[in-house]
C-alpha atoms as a PDB file:
ATOM      1  CA  MET A   1    -127.434-131.413 -13.182  1.00  0.00           C
ATOM      2  CA  ARG A   2    -125.023-133.705 -15.522  1.00  0.00           C
ATOM      3  CA  VAL A   3    -121.157-133.687 -15.423  1.00  0.00           C
ATOM      4  CA  ASN A   4    -121.308-131.607 -18.564  1.00  0.00           C
ATOM      5  CA  ASP A   5    -123.079-128.670 -17.078  1.00  0.00           C
ATOM      6  CA  MET A   6    -121.305-128.726 -14.404  1.00  0.00           C
ATOM      7  CA  ARG A   7    -117.783-128.458 -16.042  1.00  0.00           C
ATOM      8  CA  LEU A   8    -119.179-125.430 -18.322  1.00  0.00           C
ATOM      9  CA  VAL A   9    -120.459-123.940 -14.815  1.00  0.00           C
ATOM     10  CA  ARG A  10    -116.855-124.197 -13.300  1.00  0.00           C
ATOM     11  CA  PHE A  11    -115.333-123.018 -16.841  1.00  0.00           C
ATOM     12  CA  SER A  12    -117.807-120.003 -16.798  1.00  0.00           C
ATOM     13  CA  PHE A  13    -116.569-119.090 -13.158  1.00  0.00           C
ATOM     14  CA  ALA A  14    -112.751-119.647 -13.748  1.00  0.00           C
ATOM     15  CA  LEU A  15    -111.963-117.934 -16.637  1.00  0.00           C
ATOM     16  CA  PRO A  16    -112.835-114.548 -15.737  1.00  0.00           C
ATOM     17  CA  LEU A  17    -111.278-115.061 -12.343  1.00  0.00           C
ATOM     18  CA  CYS A  18    -107.983-116.302 -14.313  1.00  0.00           C
ATOM     19  CA  THR A  19    -108.029-113.082 -16.666  1.00  0.00           C
ATOM     20  CA  LEU A  20    -108.283-110.853 -12.981  1.00  0.00           C
ATOM     21  CA  SER A  21    -105.038-112.765 -11.825  1.00  0.00           C
ATOM     22  CA  LEU A  22    -103.100-112.063 -14.766  1.00  0.00           C
ATOM     23  CA  VAL A  23    -104.241-108.434 -15.107  1.00  0.00           C
ATOM     24  CA  GLY A  24    -103.426-107.595 -11.752  1.00  0.00           C
ATOM     25  CA  ALA A  25     -99.807-109.503 -12.407  1.00  0.00           C
ATOM     26  CA  LEU A  26     -99.487-107.212 -15.567  1.00  0.00           C
ATOM     27  CA  ARG A  27    -100.873-104.106 -14.341  1.00  0.00           C
ATOM     28  CA  GLY A  28     -97.548-102.554 -13.213  1.00  0.00           C
ATOM     29  CA  GLN A  29     -95.763-103.256 -16.055  1.00  0.00           C
ATOM     30  CA  GLU A  30     -95.943-101.902 -19.777  1.00  0.00           C
ATOM     31  CA  ARG A  31     -97.320-104.261 -21.983  1.00  0.00           C
ATOM     32  CA  SER A  32     -97.623-104.989 -25.475  1.00  0.00           C
ATOM     33  CA  VAL A  33    -100.910-107.484 -24.978  1.00  0.00           C
ATOM     34  CA  SER A  34    -103.991-106.024 -24.239  1.00  0.00           C
ATOM     35  CA  LEU A  35    -107.118-108.321 -22.023  1.00  0.00           C
ATOM     36  CA  ALA A  36    -110.695-108.453 -22.529  1.00  0.00           C
ATOM     37  CA  ALA A  37    -112.887-111.000 -20.582  1.00  0.00           C
ATOM     38  CA  GLY A  38    -116.615-110.948 -20.466  1.00  0.00           C
ATOM     39  CA  GLY A  39    -120.018-112.910 -21.494  1.00  0.00           C
ATOM     40  CA  GLY A  40    -123.708-112.358 -22.420  1.00  0.00           C
ATOM     41  CA  LEU A  41    -126.596-113.546 -24.335  1.00  0.00           C
ATOM     42  CA  LEU A  42    -126.193-115.977 -26.906  1.00  0.00           C
ATOM     43  CA  LEU A  43    -128.491-116.461 -29.752  1.00  0.00           C
ATOM     44  CA  VAL A  44    -128.748-119.361 -32.184  1.00  0.00           C
ATOM     45  CA  ASP A  45    -129.977-120.265 -35.861  1.00  0.00           C
ATOM     46  CA  LYS A  46    -133.481-120.969 -36.224  1.00  0.00           C
ATOM     47  CA  ALA A  47    -132.680-124.421 -37.730  1.00  0.00           C
ATOM     48  CA  SER A  48    -132.199-125.690 -34.504  1.00  0.00           C
ATOM     49  CA  SER A  49    -134.811-123.798 -32.230  1.00  0.00           C
ATOM     50  CA  THR A  50    -137.665-126.429 -33.167  1.00  0.00           C
ATOM     51  CA  ILE A  51    -135.997-129.330 -31.182  1.00  0.00           C
ATOM     52  CA  VAL A  52    -132.970-127.065 -29.306  1.00  0.00           C
ATOM     53  CA  GLY A  53    -133.489-123.935 -27.763  1.00  0.00           C
ATOM     54  CA  SER A  54    -132.516-121.082 -29.985  1.00  0.00           C
ATOM     55  CA  ARG A  55    -131.264-118.640 -26.925  1.00  0.00           C
ATOM     56  CA  GLY A  56    -128.157-120.003 -24.543  1.00  0.00           C
ATOM     57  CA  VAL A  57    -125.274-118.151 -22.734  1.00  0.00           C
ATOM     58  CA  THR A  58    -121.532-117.165 -23.889  1.00  0.00           C
ATOM     59  CA  VAL A  59    -117.915-116.305 -22.367  1.00  0.00           C
ATOM     60  CA  PHE A  60    -115.129-115.189 -24.131  1.00  0.00           C
ATOM     61  CA  PHE A  61    -111.430-114.233 -23.257  1.00  0.00           C
ATOM     62  CA  ARG A  62    -109.521-112.056 -25.968  1.00  0.00           C
ATOM     63  CA  LEU A  63    -106.136-111.061 -26.614  1.00  0.00           C
ATOM     64  CA  SER A  64    -105.117-108.186 -28.772  1.00  0.00           C
ATOM     65  CA  TRP A  65    -101.575-106.327 -30.003  1.00  0.00           C
ATOM     66  CA  ARG A  66    -101.669-102.506 -29.236  1.00  0.00           C
ATOM     67  CA  ARG A  67     -99.078-102.479 -32.363  1.00  0.00           C
ATOM     68  CA  PHE A  68    -100.710-104.659 -34.551  1.00  0.00           C
ATOM     69  CA  PRO A  69    -104.346-104.858 -35.612  1.00  0.00           C
ATOM     70  CA  LEU A  70    -104.594-108.293 -34.649  1.00  0.00           C
ATOM     71  CA  ILE A  71    -106.840-110.487 -32.002  1.00  0.00           C
ATOM     72  CA  LEU A  72    -107.213-113.568 -30.619  1.00  0.00           C
ATOM     73  CA  ASP A  73    -110.613-114.671 -29.183  1.00  0.00           C
ATOM     74  CA  ALA A  74    -111.353-118.169 -27.253  1.00  0.00           C
ATOM     75  CA  SER A  75    -115.358-118.690 -26.178  1.00  0.00           C
ATOM     76  CA  VAL A  76    -117.832-120.910 -25.043  1.00  0.00           C
ATOM     77  CA  GLN A  77    -120.712-120.849 -26.105  1.00  0.00           C
ATOM     78  CA  ASN A  78    -123.916-123.212 -24.421  1.00  0.00           C
ATOM     79  CA  VAL A  79    -127.683-123.950 -25.319  1.00  0.00           C
ATOM     80  CA  ALA A  80    -129.224-125.768 -22.811  1.00  0.00           C
ATOM     81  CA  ARG A  81    -131.384-128.812 -23.256  1.00  0.00           C
ATOM     82  CA  ASN A  82    -134.599-127.893 -24.583  1.00  0.00           C
ATOM     83  CA  ARG A  83    -137.068-128.853 -21.615  1.00  0.00           C
ATOM     84  CA  ASP A  84    -140.219-127.468 -23.282  1.00  0.00           C
ATOM     85  CA  ILE A  85    -140.827-130.399 -25.730  1.00  0.00           C
ATOM     86  CA  ILE A  86    -143.728-132.889 -24.661  1.00  0.00           C
ATOM     87  CA  PHE A  87    -143.589-135.974 -26.297  1.00  0.00           C
ATOM     88  CA  GLY A  88    -146.553-138.562 -26.360  1.00  0.00           C
ATOM     89  CA  PRO A  89    -146.122-142.243 -26.471  1.00  0.00           C
ATOM     90  CA  CYS A  90    -145.637-144.355 -29.931  1.00  0.00           C
ATOM     91  CA  PRO A  91    -148.853-145.844 -31.138  1.00  0.00           C
ATOM     92  CA  PRO A  92    -149.066-149.862 -31.201  1.00  0.00           C
ATOM     93  CA  PRO A  93    -147.666-150.889 -34.833  1.00  0.00           C
ATOM     94  CA  SER A  94    -151.170-151.712 -35.865  1.00  0.00           C
ATOM     95  CA  VAL A  95    -152.304-148.243 -35.176  1.00  0.00           C
ATOM     96  CA  GLY A  96    -149.874-146.154 -36.966  1.00  0.00           C
ATOM     97  CA  PRO A  97    -146.269-146.283 -38.346  1.00  0.00           C
ATOM     98  CA  PRO A  98    -143.564-147.193 -35.927  1.00  0.00           C
ATOM     99  CA  CYS A  99    -141.827-144.014 -34.039  1.00  0.00           C
ATOM    100  CA  GLY A 100    -138.310-143.029 -34.815  1.00  0.00           C
ATOM    101  CA  SER A 101    -135.579-141.992 -33.022  1.00  0.00           C
ATOM    102  CA  SER A 102    -135.900-139.303 -30.359  1.00  0.00           C
ATOM    103  CA  PRO A 103    -134.900-136.000 -31.932  1.00  0.00           C
ATOM    104  CA  PHE A 104    -131.920-134.028 -30.208  1.00  0.00           C
ATOM    105  CA  LEU A 105    -133.019-131.871 -27.551  1.00  0.00           C
ATOM    106  CA  GLY A 106    -129.209-130.623 -26.498  1.00  0.00           C
ATOM    107  CA  PRO A 107    -127.587-129.416 -24.862  1.00  0.00           C
ATOM    108  CA  ILE A 108    -125.125-127.714 -27.864  1.00  0.00           C
ATOM    109  CA  THR A 109    -121.863-126.965 -26.326  1.00  0.00           C
ATOM    110  CA  ALA A 110    -118.865-124.846 -28.797  1.00  0.00           C
ATOM    111  CA  PHE A 111    -115.375-124.124 -28.086  1.00  0.00           C
ATOM    112  CA  THR A 112    -114.159-121.495 -30.469  1.00  0.00           C
ATOM    113  CA  LEU A 113    -110.810-119.971 -31.399  1.00  0.00           C
ATOM    114  CA  ALA A 114    -110.883-116.954 -33.514  1.00  0.00           C
ATOM    115  CA  PRO A 115    -108.665-114.877 -34.686  1.00  0.00           C
ATOM    116  CA  ALA A 116    -109.266-111.773 -36.524  1.00  0.00           C
ATOM    117  CA  ILE A 117    -107.911-108.665 -37.816  1.00  0.00           C
ATOM    118  CA  GLN A 118    -109.246-105.743 -36.140  1.00  0.00           C
ATOM    119  CA  ALA A 119    -109.818-101.859 -36.916  1.00  0.00           C
ATOM    120  CA  THR A 120    -110.142 -99.053 -34.584  1.00  0.00           C
ATOM    121  CA  GLN A 121    -112.227 -96.108 -34.948  1.00  0.00           C
ATOM    122  CA  ARG A 122    -111.719 -93.536 -32.369  1.00  0.00           C
ATOM    123  CA  VAL A 123    -114.548 -90.839 -31.418  1.00  0.00           C
ATOM    124  CA  PRO A 124    -113.872 -88.373 -28.416  1.00  0.00           C
ATOM    125  CA  VAL A 125    -115.522 -90.726 -25.800  1.00  0.00           C
ATOM    126  CA  ALA A 126    -115.217 -94.367 -27.050  1.00  0.00           C
ATOM    127  CA  ALA A 127    -113.784 -96.741 -29.782  1.00  0.00           C
ATOM    128  CA  TRP A 128    -115.453 -98.398 -32.366  1.00  0.00           C
ATOM    129  CA  LEU A 129    -113.829-101.850 -32.970  1.00  0.00           C
ATOM    130  CA  PHE A 130    -114.607-103.741 -36.248  1.00  0.00           C
ATOM    131  CA  ARG A 131    -112.831-107.293 -36.693  1.00  0.00           C
ATOM    132  CA  PHE A 132    -113.518-110.167 -39.273  1.00  0.00           C
ATOM    133  CA  GLY A 133    -111.463-113.590 -39.665  1.00  0.00           C
ATOM    134  CA  PRO A 134    -111.686-117.553 -39.501  1.00  0.00           C
ATOM    135  CA  SER A 135    -112.885-119.261 -36.767  1.00  0.00           C
ATOM    136  CA  VAL A 136    -112.695-123.056 -35.994  1.00  0.00           C
ATOM    137  CA  SER A 137    -115.280-124.725 -33.223  1.00  0.00           C
ATOM    138  CA  TRP A 138    -115.296-127.769 -31.341  1.00  0.00           C
ATOM    139  CA  LEU A 139    -118.753-128.908 -30.669  1.00  0.00           C
ATOM    140  CA  SER A 140    -118.771-131.067 -27.701  1.00  0.00           C
ATOM    141  CA  GLY A 141    -122.324-131.274 -27.310  1.00  0.00           C
ATOM    142  CA  ARG A 142    -124.402-131.950 -30.650  1.00  0.00           C
ATOM    143  CA  GLU A 143    -126.186-134.155 -32.602  1.00  0.00           C
ATOM    144  CA  PRO A 144    -125.211-137.653 -32.300  1.00  0.00           C
ATOM    145  CA  GLY A 145    -123.432-138.429 -35.413  1.00  0.00           C
ATOM    146  CA  SER A 146    -122.484-135.094 -36.450  1.00  0.00           C
ATOM    147  CA  HIS A 147    -118.663-133.942 -37.127  1.00  0.00           C
ATOM    148  CA  PRO A 148    -117.315-132.397 -33.773  1.00  0.00           C
ATOM    149  CA  LEU A 149    -114.999-129.694 -35.684  1.00  0.00           C
ATOM    150  CA  ALA A 150    -116.619-126.856 -37.552  1.00  0.00           C
ATOM    151  CA  ALA A 151    -114.429-124.221 -39.578  1.00  0.00           C
ATOM    152  CA  GLY A 152    -115.953-120.668 -39.912  1.00  0.00           C
ATOM    153  CA  LEU A 153    -116.176-117.059 -40.467  1.00  0.00           C
ATOM    154  CA  ARG A 154    -116.500-114.205 -37.785  1.00  0.00           C
ATOM    155  CA  ALA A 155    -117.483-110.761 -37.975  1.00  0.00           C
ATOM    156  CA  GLY A 156    -117.850-108.774 -35.253  1.00  0.00           C
ATOM    157  CA  ILE A 157    -118.477-104.919 -33.626  1.00  0.00           C
ATOM    158  CA  SER A 158    -117.487-103.270 -30.325  1.00  0.00           C
ATOM    159  CA  VAL A 159    -117.706-100.195 -28.715  1.00  0.00           C
ATOM    160  CA  ARG A 160    -115.339 -99.583 -25.706  1.00  0.00           C
ATOM    161  CA  ASN A 161    -115.885 -96.262 -23.299  1.00  0.00           C
ATOM    162  CA  GLY A 162    -113.197 -93.582 -22.590  1.00  0.00           C
ATOM    163  CA  ARG A 163    -110.434 -92.774 -24.162  1.00  0.00           C
ATOM    164  CA  ALA A 164    -107.949 -95.105 -22.867  1.00  0.00           C
ATOM    165  CA  GLN A 165    -106.795 -98.562 -24.252  1.00  0.00           C
ATOM    166  CA  SER A 166    -109.275-100.176 -21.276  1.00  0.00           C
ATOM    167  CA  GLY A 167    -112.905 -99.906 -20.336  1.00  0.00           C
ATOM    168  CA  LEU A 168    -116.065-100.962 -20.664  1.00  0.00           C
ATOM    169  CA  LEU A 169    -116.525-103.065 -23.775  1.00  0.00           C
ATOM    170  CA  ILE A 170    -120.026-104.005 -25.621  1.00  0.00           C
ATOM    171  CA  SER A 171    -119.649-106.839 -28.387  1.00  0.00           C
ATOM    172  CA  ALA A 172    -121.686-108.407 -31.156  1.00  0.00           C
ATOM    173  CA  ASP A 173    -120.562-111.416 -33.318  1.00  0.00           C
ATOM    174  CA  TYR A 174    -121.503-113.473 -35.963  1.00  0.00           C
ATOM    175  CA  PHE A 175    -120.073-116.694 -36.140  1.00  0.00           C
ATOM    176  CA  ARG A 176    -121.325-118.459 -39.201  1.00  0.00           C
ATOM    177  CA  LEU A 177    -120.159-122.282 -39.119  1.00  0.00           C
ATOM    178  CA  PHE A 178    -119.568-124.432 -42.215  1.00  0.00           C
ATOM    179  CA  ARG A 179    -121.625-127.144 -41.191  1.00  0.00           C
ATOM    180  CA  THR A 180    -123.838-129.153 -43.702  1.00  0.00           C
ATOM    181  CA  GLY A 181    -127.487-130.409 -42.788  1.00  0.00           C
ATOM    182  CA  THR A 182    -126.866-130.198 -38.964  1.00  0.00           C
ATOM    183  CA  PRO A 183    -127.279-127.321 -36.911  1.00  0.00           C
ATOM    184  CA  PRO A 184    -126.425-124.895 -35.492  1.00  0.00           C
ATOM    185  CA  THR A 185    -124.778-122.802 -38.380  1.00  0.00           C
ATOM    186  CA  TRP A 186    -124.542-119.688 -36.502  1.00  0.00           C
ATOM    187  CA  PHE A 187    -123.904-118.086 -33.494  1.00  0.00           C
ATOM    188  CA  LEU A 188    -124.878-114.686 -32.799  1.00  0.00           C
ATOM    189  CA  PRO A 189    -122.931-113.605 -29.203  1.00  0.00           C
ATOM    190  CA  VAL A 190    -124.120-109.980 -27.483  1.00  0.00           C
ATOM    191  CA  THR A 191    -121.504-109.623 -24.809  1.00  0.00           C
ATOM    192  CA  ILE A 192    -120.422-107.037 -21.957  1.00  0.00           C
ATOM    193  CA  GLY A 193    -116.993-107.325 -20.904  1.00  0.00           C
ATOM    194  CA  TRP A 194    -113.858-105.172 -19.936  1.00  0.00           C
ATOM    195  CA  GLN A 195    -110.865-104.645 -21.896  1.00  0.00           C
ATOM    196  CA  PHE A 196    -107.767-104.339 -19.659  1.00  0.00           C
END
């Protein structure tokens, strides 16, 4: 396992643990900020699935304000290296055209910050949460020569069980990355988490 993969695994465990310790410290006092954390499955655009896998994992940490319809998400998206592609040897120059450079097999890792406006629709046993806003992603794992920063837009929907401000949170978000000619151009994380 590579060093970057190990760092991602450690970060994936550290984020929920830090969230739980923050929640324990804030639980006894009235606060205007709500915290949420979770993780789940990540789907990636098909343009990158020919070489890099089209599925991965994601984790998120979310701050929301109880009195204002604003949220701030910090998340990590990771698509592992594609190990299913088999390459044959290059033919000699006399037999055929020379081989080009090796295709990018991954992994792709993106760290994303996404502020958004969030609207809440309450129903008797749950709340629907709708959000829309900009995003910026830093791709530490990417195709060589591509730009590490990508601006974008994000739209999402969540359902939170119960009538309180906390509970089980099931979410789906669409992140559109404004990248020219280089995948990935979008992420679709489907996550399960807890809002505290």
